[in-house]
Amino acid sequence: MNRRIGVVGIVIEDPKEVSEKVNAVISDHGHLILGRMGIPKPEYQVGVISLIIEGTTDEIGSLTGRLGNLPGVTVKSALTTKTLHKEQDHD
């Protein structure tokens, strides 16, 4: 399967209302996530999460689609243009 690496940016308006759902979707796709950083801004009632991901376009689309369907959640992604191929060990 062709895999890509990239970043997903997530902006959450009113995190108190949807943060559990956002975290559940991210957890369901945990096998794709290489790194995660979250910045809460309670004084603005906003949260921002960035994910470094690796997966197929279908897997990444599932993650971003489910997140984007949550109310008050905006999602943007940027992926490598070429697919990744792991180098095989040669003995």
PDB file of N, CA and C in Angstrom:
ATOM      1  N   MET A   1       0.839  -1.188   0.000  1.00  0.00           N
ATOM      2  CA  MET A   1       0.000   0.000   0.000  1.00  0.00           C
ATOM      3  C   MET A   1       0.878   1.245   0.000  1.00  0.00           C
ATOM      4  N   ASN A   2       0.451   2.224  -0.749  1.00  0.00           N
ATOM      5  CA  ASN A   2       1.182   3.482  -0.807  1.00  0.00           C
ATOM      6  C   ASN A   2       0.855   4.334   0.416  1.00  0.00           C
ATOM      7  N   ARG A   3       1.906   4.796   1.080  1.00  0.00           N
ATOM      8  CA  ARG A   3       1.741   5.584   2.292  1.00  0.00           C
ATOM      9  C   ARG A   3       2.291   6.975   2.069  1.00  0.00           C
ATOM     10  N   ARG A   4       1.758   7.910   2.820  1.00  0.00           N
ATOM     11  CA  ARG A   4       2.229   9.294   2.777  1.00  0.00           C
ATOM     12  C   ARG A   4       2.454   9.774   4.202  1.00  0.00           C
ATOM     13  N   ILE A   5       3.276  10.788   4.310  1.00  0.00           N
ATOM     14  CA  ILE A   5       3.526  11.402   5.607  1.00  0.00           C
ATOM     15  C   ILE A   5       3.119  12.866   5.506  1.00  0.00           C
ATOM     16  N   GLY A   6       2.667  13.423   6.604  1.00  0.00           N
ATOM     17  CA  GLY A   6       2.234  14.812   6.561  1.00  0.00           C
ATOM     18  C   GLY A   6       1.803  15.315   7.918  1.00  0.00           C
ATOM     19  N   VAL A   7       1.075  16.409   7.883  1.00  0.00           N
ATOM     20  CA  VAL A   7       0.604  17.064   9.099  1.00  0.00           C
ATOM     21  C   VAL A   7      -0.892  17.342   8.964  1.00  0.00           C
ATOM     22  N   VAL A   8      -1.594  17.204  10.084  1.00  0.00           N
ATOM     23  CA  VAL A   8      -3.014  17.552  10.155  1.00  0.00           C
ATOM     24  C   VAL A   8      -3.158  18.615  11.235  1.00  0.00           C
ATOM     25  N   GLY A   9      -3.752  19.742  10.865  1.00  0.00           N
ATOM     26  CA  GLY A   9      -4.028  20.815  11.818  1.00  0.00           C
ATOM     27  C   GLY A   9      -5.501  20.805  12.174  1.00  0.00           C
ATOM     28  N   ILE A  10      -5.790  20.886  13.461  1.00  0.00           N
ATOM     29  CA  ILE A  10      -7.171  20.827  13.944  1.00  0.00           C
ATOM     30  C   ILE A  10      -7.425  22.036  14.841  1.00  0.00           C
ATOM     31  N   VAL A  11      -8.465  22.804  14.529  1.00  0.00           N
ATOM     32  CA  VAL A  11      -8.874  23.933  15.363  1.00  0.00           C
ATOM     33  C   VAL A  11     -10.243  23.590  15.936  1.00  0.00           C
ATOM     34  N   ILE A  12     -10.352  23.707  17.250  1.00  0.00           N
ATOM     35  CA  ILE A  12     -11.583  23.324  17.946  1.00  0.00           C
ATOM     36  C   ILE A  12     -12.174  24.552  18.624  1.00  0.00           C
ATOM     37  N   GLU A  13     -13.368  24.906  18.211  1.00  0.00           N
ATOM     38  CA  GLU A  13     -14.094  25.990  18.867  1.00  0.00           C
ATOM     39  C   GLU A  13     -14.927  25.386  19.987  1.00  0.00           C
ATOM     40  N   ASP A  14     -14.860  25.974  21.145  1.00  0.00           N
ATOM     41  CA  ASP A  14     -15.571  25.484  22.334  1.00  0.00           C
ATOM     42  C   ASP A  14     -15.201  24.037  22.654  1.00  0.00           C
ATOM     43  N   PRO A  15     -13.930  23.806  23.000  1.00  0.00           N
ATOM     44  CA  PRO A  15     -13.449  22.439  23.260  1.00  0.00           C
ATOM     45  C   PRO A  15     -14.227  21.691  24.343  1.00  0.00           C
ATOM     46  N   LYS A  16     -14.817  22.390  25.289  1.00  0.00           N
ATOM     47  CA  LYS A  16     -15.570  21.700  26.345  1.00  0.00           C
ATOM     48  C   LYS A  16     -16.692  20.858  25.762  1.00  0.00           C
ATOM     49  N   GLU A  17     -17.220  21.264  24.617  1.00  0.00           N
ATOM     50  CA  GLU A  17     -18.346  20.561  24.004  1.00  0.00           C
ATOM     51  C   GLU A  17     -17.933  19.354  23.177  1.00  0.00           C
ATOM     52  N   VAL A  18     -16.760  19.404  22.525  1.00  0.00           N
ATOM     53  CA  VAL A  18     -16.423  18.333  21.571  1.00  0.00           C
ATOM     54  C   VAL A  18     -15.074  17.658  21.808  1.00  0.00           C
ATOM     55  N   SER A  19     -14.340  18.072  22.830  1.00  0.00           N
ATOM     56  CA  SER A  19     -12.992  17.527  23.002  1.00  0.00           C
ATOM     57  C   SER A  19     -12.985  16.010  23.203  1.00  0.00           C
ATOM     58  N   GLU A  20     -13.976  15.471  23.896  1.00  0.00           N
ATOM     59  CA  GLU A  20     -14.030  14.011  24.083  1.00  0.00           C
ATOM     60  C   GLU A  20     -14.223  13.294  22.757  1.00  0.00           C
ATOM     61  N   LYS A  21     -15.058  13.850  21.884  1.00  0.00           N
ATOM     62  CA  LYS A  21     -15.289  13.246  20.576  1.00  0.00           C
ATOM     63  C   LYS A  21     -14.044  13.351  19.695  1.00  0.00           C
ATOM     64  N   VAL A  22     -13.374  14.508  19.746  1.00  0.00           N
ATOM     65  CA  VAL A  22     -12.135  14.686  18.977  1.00  0.00           C
ATOM     66  C   VAL A  22     -11.097  13.671  19.429  1.00  0.00           C
ATOM     67  N   ASN A  23     -10.909  13.543  20.729  1.00  0.00           N
ATOM     68  CA  ASN A  23      -9.923  12.600  21.252  1.00  0.00           C
ATOM     69  C   ASN A  23     -10.282  11.155  20.920  1.00  0.00           C
ATOM     70  N   ALA A  24     -11.575  10.828  20.877  1.00  0.00           N
ATOM     71  CA  ALA A  24     -11.990   9.473  20.523  1.00  0.00           C
ATOM     72  C   ALA A  24     -11.636   9.164  19.066  1.00  0.00           C
ATOM     73  N   VAL A  25     -11.861  10.119  18.164  1.00  0.00           N
ATOM     74  CA  VAL A  25     -11.520   9.918  16.748  1.00  0.00           C
ATOM     75  C   VAL A  25     -10.005   9.778  16.586  1.00  0.00           C
ATOM     76  N   ILE A  26      -9.253  10.640  17.261  1.00  0.00           N
ATOM     77  CA  ILE A  26      -7.792  10.562  17.184  1.00  0.00           C
ATOM     78  C   ILE A  26      -7.306   9.219  17.730  1.00  0.00           C
ATOM     79  N   SER A  27      -7.877   8.774  18.821  1.00  0.00           N
ATOM     80  CA  SER A  27      -7.496   7.489  19.405  1.00  0.00           C
ATOM     81  C   SER A  27      -7.805   6.331  18.465  1.00  0.00           C
ATOM     82  N   ASP A  28      -8.953   6.393  17.791  1.00  0.00           N
ATOM     83  CA  ASP A  28      -9.321   5.350  16.825  1.00  0.00           C
ATOM     84  C   ASP A  28      -8.320   5.249  15.678  1.00  0.00           C
ATOM     85  N   HIS A  29      -7.627   6.344  15.390  1.00  0.00           N
ATOM     86  CA  HIS A  29      -6.647   6.387  14.299  1.00  0.00           C
ATOM     87  C   HIS A  29      -5.219   6.496  14.841  1.00  0.00           C
ATOM     88  N   GLY A  30      -5.022   6.058  16.068  1.00  0.00           N
ATOM     89  CA  GLY A  30      -3.722   6.185  16.728  1.00  0.00           C
ATOM     90  C   GLY A  30      -2.575   5.531  15.983  1.00  0.00           C
ATOM     91  N   HIS A  31      -2.853   4.481  15.219  1.00  0.00           N
ATOM     92  CA  HIS A  31      -1.797   3.796  14.469  1.00  0.00           C
ATOM     93  C   HIS A  31      -1.196   4.680  13.364  1.00  0.00           C
ATOM     94  N   LEU A  32      -1.859   5.774  13.014  1.00  0.00           N
ATOM     95  CA  LEU A  32      -1.351   6.692  11.984  1.00  0.00           C
ATOM     96  C   LEU A  32      -0.472   7.791  12.561  1.00  0.00           C
ATOM     97  N   ILE A  33      -0.562   8.016  13.854  1.00  0.00           N
ATOM     98  CA  ILE A  33       0.012   9.220  14.460  1.00  0.00           C
ATOM     99  C   ILE A  33       1.431   8.984  14.938  1.00  0.00           C
ATOM    100  N   LEU A  34       2.335   9.808  14.403  1.00  0.00           N
ATOM    101  CA  LEU A  34       3.743   9.774  14.805  1.00  0.00           C
ATOM    102  C   LEU A  34       4.018  10.767  15.924  1.00  0.00           C
ATOM    103  N   GLY A  35       3.260  11.852  15.958  1.00  0.00           N
ATOM    104  CA  GLY A  35       3.447  12.872  16.984  1.00  0.00           C
ATOM    105  C   GLY A  35       2.209  13.739  17.108  1.00  0.00           C
ATOM    106  N   ARG A  36       2.040  14.312  18.306  1.00  0.00           N
ATOM    107  CA  ARG A  36       0.862  15.149  18.567  1.00  0.00           C
ATOM    108  C   ARG A  36       1.262  16.293  19.481  1.00  0.00           C
ATOM    109  N   MET A  37       0.753  17.476  19.169  1.00  0.00           N
ATOM    110  CA  MET A  37       0.935  18.629  20.045  1.00  0.00           C
ATOM    111  C   MET A  37      -0.401  19.341  20.158  1.00  0.00           C
ATOM    112  N   GLY A  38      -0.813  19.630  21.365  1.00  0.00           N
ATOM    113  CA  GLY A  38      -2.059  20.346  21.592  1.00  0.00           C
ATOM    114  C   GLY A  38      -1.819  21.608  22.400  1.00  0.00           C
ATOM    115  N   ILE A  39      -2.479  22.678  21.986  1.00  0.00           N
ATOM    116  CA  ILE A  39      -2.379  23.957  22.681  1.00  0.00           C
ATOM    117  C   ILE A  39      -3.784  24.399  23.082  1.00  0.00           C
ATOM    118  N   PRO A  40      -4.100  24.381  24.378  1.00  0.00           N
ATOM    119  CA  PRO A  40      -5.400  24.889  24.807  1.00  0.00           C
ATOM    120  C   PRO A  40      -5.345  26.406  24.980  1.00  0.00           C
ATOM    121  N   LYS A  41      -6.397  27.083  24.599  1.00  0.00           N
ATOM    122  CA  LYS A  41      -6.513  28.531  24.813  1.00  0.00           C
ATOM    123  C   LYS A  41      -7.876  28.801  25.450  1.00  0.00           C
ATOM    124  N   PRO A  42      -8.025  28.412  26.742  1.00  0.00           N
ATOM    125  CA  PRO A  42      -9.338  28.526  27.384  1.00  0.00           C
ATOM    126  C   PRO A  42      -9.861  29.959  27.443  1.00  0.00           C
ATOM    127  N   GLU A  43      -8.977  30.945  27.467  1.00  0.00           N
ATOM    128  CA  GLU A  43      -9.436  32.327  27.521  1.00  0.00           C
ATOM    129  C   GLU A  43     -10.167  32.739  26.242  1.00  0.00           C
ATOM    130  N   TYR A  44      -9.927  32.003  25.154  1.00  0.00           N
ATOM    131  CA  TYR A  44     -10.623  32.252  23.884  1.00  0.00           C
ATOM    132  C   TYR A  44     -11.620  31.143  23.560  1.00  0.00           C
ATOM    133  N   GLN A  45     -11.739  30.154  24.419  1.00  0.00           N
ATOM    134  CA  GLN A  45     -12.582  28.981  24.204  1.00  0.00           C
ATOM    135  C   GLN A  45     -12.234  28.298  22.878  1.00  0.00           C
ATOM    136  N   VAL A  46     -10.929  28.102  22.670  1.00  0.00           N
ATOM    137  CA  VAL A  46     -10.410  27.486  21.452  1.00  0.00           C
ATOM    138  C   VAL A  46      -9.276  26.537  21.837  1.00  0.00           C
ATOM    139  N   GLY A  47      -9.122  25.481  21.058  1.00  0.00           N
ATOM    140  CA  GLY A  47      -7.986  24.580  21.195  1.00  0.00           C
ATOM    141  C   GLY A  47      -7.415  24.294  19.822  1.00  0.00           C
ATOM    142  N   VAL A  48      -6.110  24.047  19.773  1.00  0.00           N
ATOM    143  CA  VAL A  48      -5.443  23.738  18.511  1.00  0.00           C
ATOM    144  C   VAL A  48      -4.622  22.467  18.716  1.00  0.00           C
ATOM    145  N   ILE A  49      -4.746  21.542  17.778  1.00  0.00           N
ATOM    146  CA  ILE A  49      -3.984  20.296  17.817  1.00  0.00           C
ATOM    147  C   ILE A  49      -3.281  20.120  16.486  1.00  0.00           C
ATOM    148  N   SER A  50      -2.016  19.726  16.533  1.00  0.00           N
ATOM    149  CA  SER A  50      -1.311  19.355  15.300  1.00  0.00           C
ATOM    150  C   SER A  50      -0.881  17.898  15.423  1.00  0.00           C
ATOM    151  N   LEU A  51      -1.074  17.163  14.339  1.00  0.00           N
ATOM    152  CA  LEU A  51      -0.705  15.752  14.288  1.00  0.00           C
ATOM    153  C   LEU A  51       0.287  15.527  13.164  1.00  0.00           C
ATOM    154  N   ILE A  52       1.351  14.801  13.434  1.00  0.00           N
ATOM    155  CA  ILE A  52       2.240  14.311  12.388  1.00  0.00           C
ATOM    156  C   ILE A  52       1.774  12.892  12.106  1.00  0.00           C
ATOM    157  N   ILE A  53       1.460  12.605  10.846  1.00  0.00           N
ATOM    158  CA  ILE A  53       0.823  11.338  10.510  1.00  0.00           C
ATOM    159  C   ILE A  53       1.545  10.621   9.379  1.00  0.00           C
ATOM    160  N   GLU A  54       1.341   9.306   9.335  1.00  0.00           N
ATOM    161  CA  GLU A  54       1.797   8.475   8.221  1.00  0.00           C
ATOM    162  C   GLU A  54       0.733   7.427   7.968  1.00  0.00           C
ATOM    163  N   GLY A  55       0.258   7.353   6.720  1.00  0.00           N
ATOM    164  CA  GLY A  55      -0.755   6.366   6.390  1.00  0.00           C
ATOM    165  C   GLY A  55      -1.148   6.443   4.936  1.00  0.00           C
ATOM    166  N   THR A  56      -2.071   5.593   4.538  1.00  0.00           N
ATOM    167  CA  THR A  56      -2.588   5.636   3.170  1.00  0.00           C
ATOM    168  C   THR A  56      -3.538   6.825   3.055  1.00  0.00           C
ATOM    169  N   THR A  57      -3.818   7.219   1.829  1.00  0.00           N
ATOM    170  CA  THR A  57      -4.746   8.336   1.644  1.00  0.00           C
ATOM    171  C   THR A  57      -6.131   7.987   2.178  1.00  0.00           C
ATOM    172  N   ASP A  58      -6.534   6.733   2.081  1.00  0.00           N
ATOM    173  CA  ASP A  58      -7.832   6.321   2.626  1.00  0.00           C
ATOM    174  C   ASP A  58      -7.860   6.438   4.149  1.00  0.00           C
ATOM    175  N   GLU A  59      -6.792   5.999   4.807  1.00  0.00           N
ATOM    176  CA  GLU A  59      -6.723   6.085   6.267  1.00  0.00           C
ATOM    177  C   GLU A  59      -6.727   7.534   6.731  1.00  0.00           C
ATOM    178  N   ILE A  60      -5.945   8.355   6.065  1.00  0.00           N
ATOM    179  CA  ILE A  60      -5.862   9.772   6.436  1.00  0.00           C
ATOM    180  C   ILE A  60      -7.188  10.465   6.155  1.00  0.00           C
ATOM    181  N   GLY A  61      -7.821  10.104   5.034  1.00  0.00           N
ATOM    182  CA  GLY A  61      -9.132  10.659   4.712  1.00  0.00           C
ATOM    183  C   GLY A  61     -10.189  10.294   5.739  1.00  0.00           C
ATOM    184  N   SER A  62     -10.115   9.078   6.261  1.00  0.00           N
ATOM    185  CA  SER A  62     -11.042   8.653   7.311  1.00  0.00           C
ATOM    186  C   SER A  62     -10.869   9.516   8.557  1.00  0.00           C
ATOM    187  N   LEU A  63      -9.633   9.723   8.957  1.00  0.00           N
ATOM    188  CA  LEU A  63      -9.341  10.563  10.126  1.00  0.00           C
ATOM    189  C   LEU A  63      -9.846  11.981   9.929  1.00  0.00           C
ATOM    190  N   THR A  64      -9.442  12.620   8.846  1.00  0.00           N
ATOM    191  CA  THR A  64      -9.806  14.029   8.631  1.00  0.00           C
ATOM    192  C   THR A  64     -11.303  14.187   8.380  1.00  0.00           C
ATOM    193  N   GLY A  65     -11.903  13.218   7.699  1.00  0.00           N
ATOM    194  CA  GLY A  65     -13.339  13.286   7.452  1.00  0.00           C
ATOM    195  C   GLY A  65     -14.154  13.190   8.721  1.00  0.00           C
ATOM    196  N   ARG A  66     -13.802  12.256   9.578  1.00  0.00           N
ATOM    197  CA  ARG A  66     -14.537  12.104  10.841  1.00  0.00           C
ATOM    198  C   ARG A  66     -14.364  13.331  11.722  1.00  0.00           C
ATOM    199  N   LEU A  67     -13.147  13.870  11.761  1.00  0.00           N
ATOM    200  CA  LEU A  67     -12.920  15.077  12.567  1.00  0.00           C
ATOM    201  C   LEU A  67     -13.692  16.264  11.997  1.00  0.00           C
ATOM    202  N   GLY A  68     -13.634  16.426  10.680  1.00  0.00           N
ATOM    203  CA  GLY A  68     -14.294  17.560  10.037  1.00  0.00           C
ATOM    204  C   GLY A  68     -15.809  17.541  10.157  1.00  0.00           C
ATOM    205  N   ASN A  69     -16.393  16.378  10.417  1.00  0.00           N
ATOM    206  CA  ASN A  69     -17.838  16.285  10.591  1.00  0.00           C
ATOM    207  C   ASN A  69     -18.309  16.646  11.990  1.00  0.00           C
ATOM    208  N   LEU A  70     -17.380  16.849  12.907  1.00  0.00           N
ATOM    209  CA  LEU A  70     -17.760  17.241  14.260  1.00  0.00           C
ATOM    210  C   LEU A  70     -18.084  18.737  14.283  1.00  0.00           C
ATOM    211  N   PRO A  71     -19.110  19.134  15.020  1.00  0.00           N
ATOM    212  CA  PRO A  71     -19.464  20.553  15.070  1.00  0.00           C
ATOM    213  C   PRO A  71     -18.376  21.383  15.741  1.00  0.00           C
ATOM    214  N   GLY A  72     -18.040  22.514  15.128  1.00  0.00           N
ATOM    215  CA  GLY A  72     -17.039  23.415  15.700  1.00  0.00           C
ATOM    216  C   GLY A  72     -15.604  22.979  15.499  1.00  0.00           C
ATOM    217  N   VAL A  73     -15.366  21.993  14.613  1.00  0.00           N
ATOM    218  CA  VAL A  73     -14.012  21.495  14.366  1.00  0.00           C
ATOM    219  C   VAL A  73     -13.641  21.779  12.909  1.00  0.00           C
ATOM    220  N   THR A  74     -12.492  22.435  12.731  1.00  0.00           N
ATOM    221  CA  THR A  74     -11.952  22.715  11.399  1.00  0.00           C
ATOM    222  C   THR A  74     -10.666  21.923  11.234  1.00  0.00           C
ATOM    223  N   VAL A  75     -10.503  21.255  10.079  1.00  0.00           N
ATOM    224  CA  VAL A  75      -9.359  20.380   9.847  1.00  0.00           C
ATOM    225  C   VAL A  75      -8.719  20.730   8.513  1.00  0.00           C
ATOM    226  N   LYS A  76      -7.391  20.814   8.506  1.00  0.00           N
ATOM    227  CA  LYS A  76      -6.622  21.001   7.271  1.00  0.00           C
ATOM    228  C   LYS A  76      -5.451  20.037   7.308  1.00  0.00           C
ATOM    229  N   SER A  77      -5.102  19.504   6.137  1.00  0.00           N
ATOM    230  CA  SER A  77      -3.973  18.582   6.087  1.00  0.00           C
ATOM    231  C   SER A  77      -3.047  18.957   4.950  1.00  0.00           C
ATOM    232  N   ALA A  78      -1.787  18.595   5.119  1.00  0.00           N
ATOM    233  CA  ALA A  78      -0.768  18.747   4.078  1.00  0.00           C
ATOM    234  C   ALA A  78       0.035  17.459   4.060  1.00  0.00           C
ATOM    235  N   LEU A  79       0.100  16.819   2.882  1.00  0.00           N
ATOM    236  CA  LEU A  79       0.767  15.524   2.756  1.00  0.00           C
ATOM    237  C   LEU A  79       1.859  15.587   1.709  1.00  0.00           C
ATOM    238  N   THR A  80       2.811  14.661   1.816  1.00  0.00           N
ATOM    239  CA  THR A  80       3.834  14.553   0.784  1.00  0.00           C
ATOM    240  C   THR A  80       3.164  14.263  -0.553  1.00  0.00           C
ATOM    241  N   THR A  81       3.760  14.765  -1.630  1.00  0.00           N
ATOM    242  CA  THR A  81       3.176  14.532  -2.953  1.00  0.00           C
ATOM    243  C   THR A  81       3.517  13.155  -3.482  1.00  0.00           C
ATOM    244  N   LYS A  82       4.653  12.613  -3.075  1.00  0.00           N
ATOM    245  CA  LYS A  82       4.994  11.273  -3.532  1.00  0.00           C
ATOM    246  C   LYS A  82       4.786  10.283  -2.402  1.00  0.00           C
ATOM    247  N   THR A  83       4.535   9.062  -2.791  1.00  0.00           N
ATOM    248  CA  THR A  83       4.278   8.017  -1.808  1.00  0.00           C
ATOM    249  C   THR A  83       5.583   7.509  -1.215  1.00  0.00           C
ATOM    250  N   LEU A  84       5.487   6.971  -0.025  1.00  0.00           N
ATOM    251  CA  LEU A  84       6.662   6.467   0.686  1.00  0.00           C
ATOM    252  C   LEU A  84       6.851   4.990   0.406  1.00  0.00           C
ATOM    253  N   HIS A  85       8.094   4.612   0.249  1.00  0.00           N
ATOM    254  CA  HIS A  85       8.453   3.200   0.084  1.00  0.00           C
ATOM    255  C   HIS A  85       9.583   2.922   1.053  1.00  0.00           C
ATOM    256  N   LYS A  86       9.370   1.985   1.954  1.00  0.00           N
ATOM    257  CA  LYS A  86      10.420   1.629   2.913  1.00  0.00           C
ATOM    258  C   LYS A  86      11.521   0.870   2.179  1.00  0.00           C
ATOM    259  N   GLU A  87      12.747   1.227   2.515  1.00  0.00           N
ATOM    260  CA  GLU A  87      13.887   0.506   1.937  1.00  0.00           C
ATOM    261  C   GLU A  87      13.994  -0.846   2.620  1.00  0.00           C
ATOM    262  N   GLN A  88      14.209  -1.859   1.846  1.00  0.00           N
ATOM    263  CA  GLN A  88      14.357  -3.204   2.409  1.00  0.00           C
ATOM    264  C   GLN A  88      15.820  -3.479   2.699  1.00  0.00           C
ATOM    265  N   ASP A  89      16.050  -4.213   3.781  1.00  0.00           N
ATOM    266  CA  ASP A  89      17.415  -4.568   4.149  1.00  0.00           C
ATOM    267  C   ASP A  89      17.975  -5.583   3.163  1.00  0.00           C
ATOM    268  N   HIS A  90      19.199  -5.375   2.763  1.00  0.00           N
ATOM    269  CA  HIS A  90      19.874  -6.319   1.870  1.00  0.00           C
ATOM    270  C   HIS A  90      21.062  -6.903   2.608  1.00  0.00           C
ATOM    271  N   ASP A  91      21.118  -8.224   2.733  1.00  0.00           N
ATOM    272  CA  ASP A  91      22.254  -8.877   3.427  1.00  0.00           C
ATOM    273  C   ASP A  91      23.195  -9.476   2.434  1.00  0.00           C
TER     274      ASP A  91
END
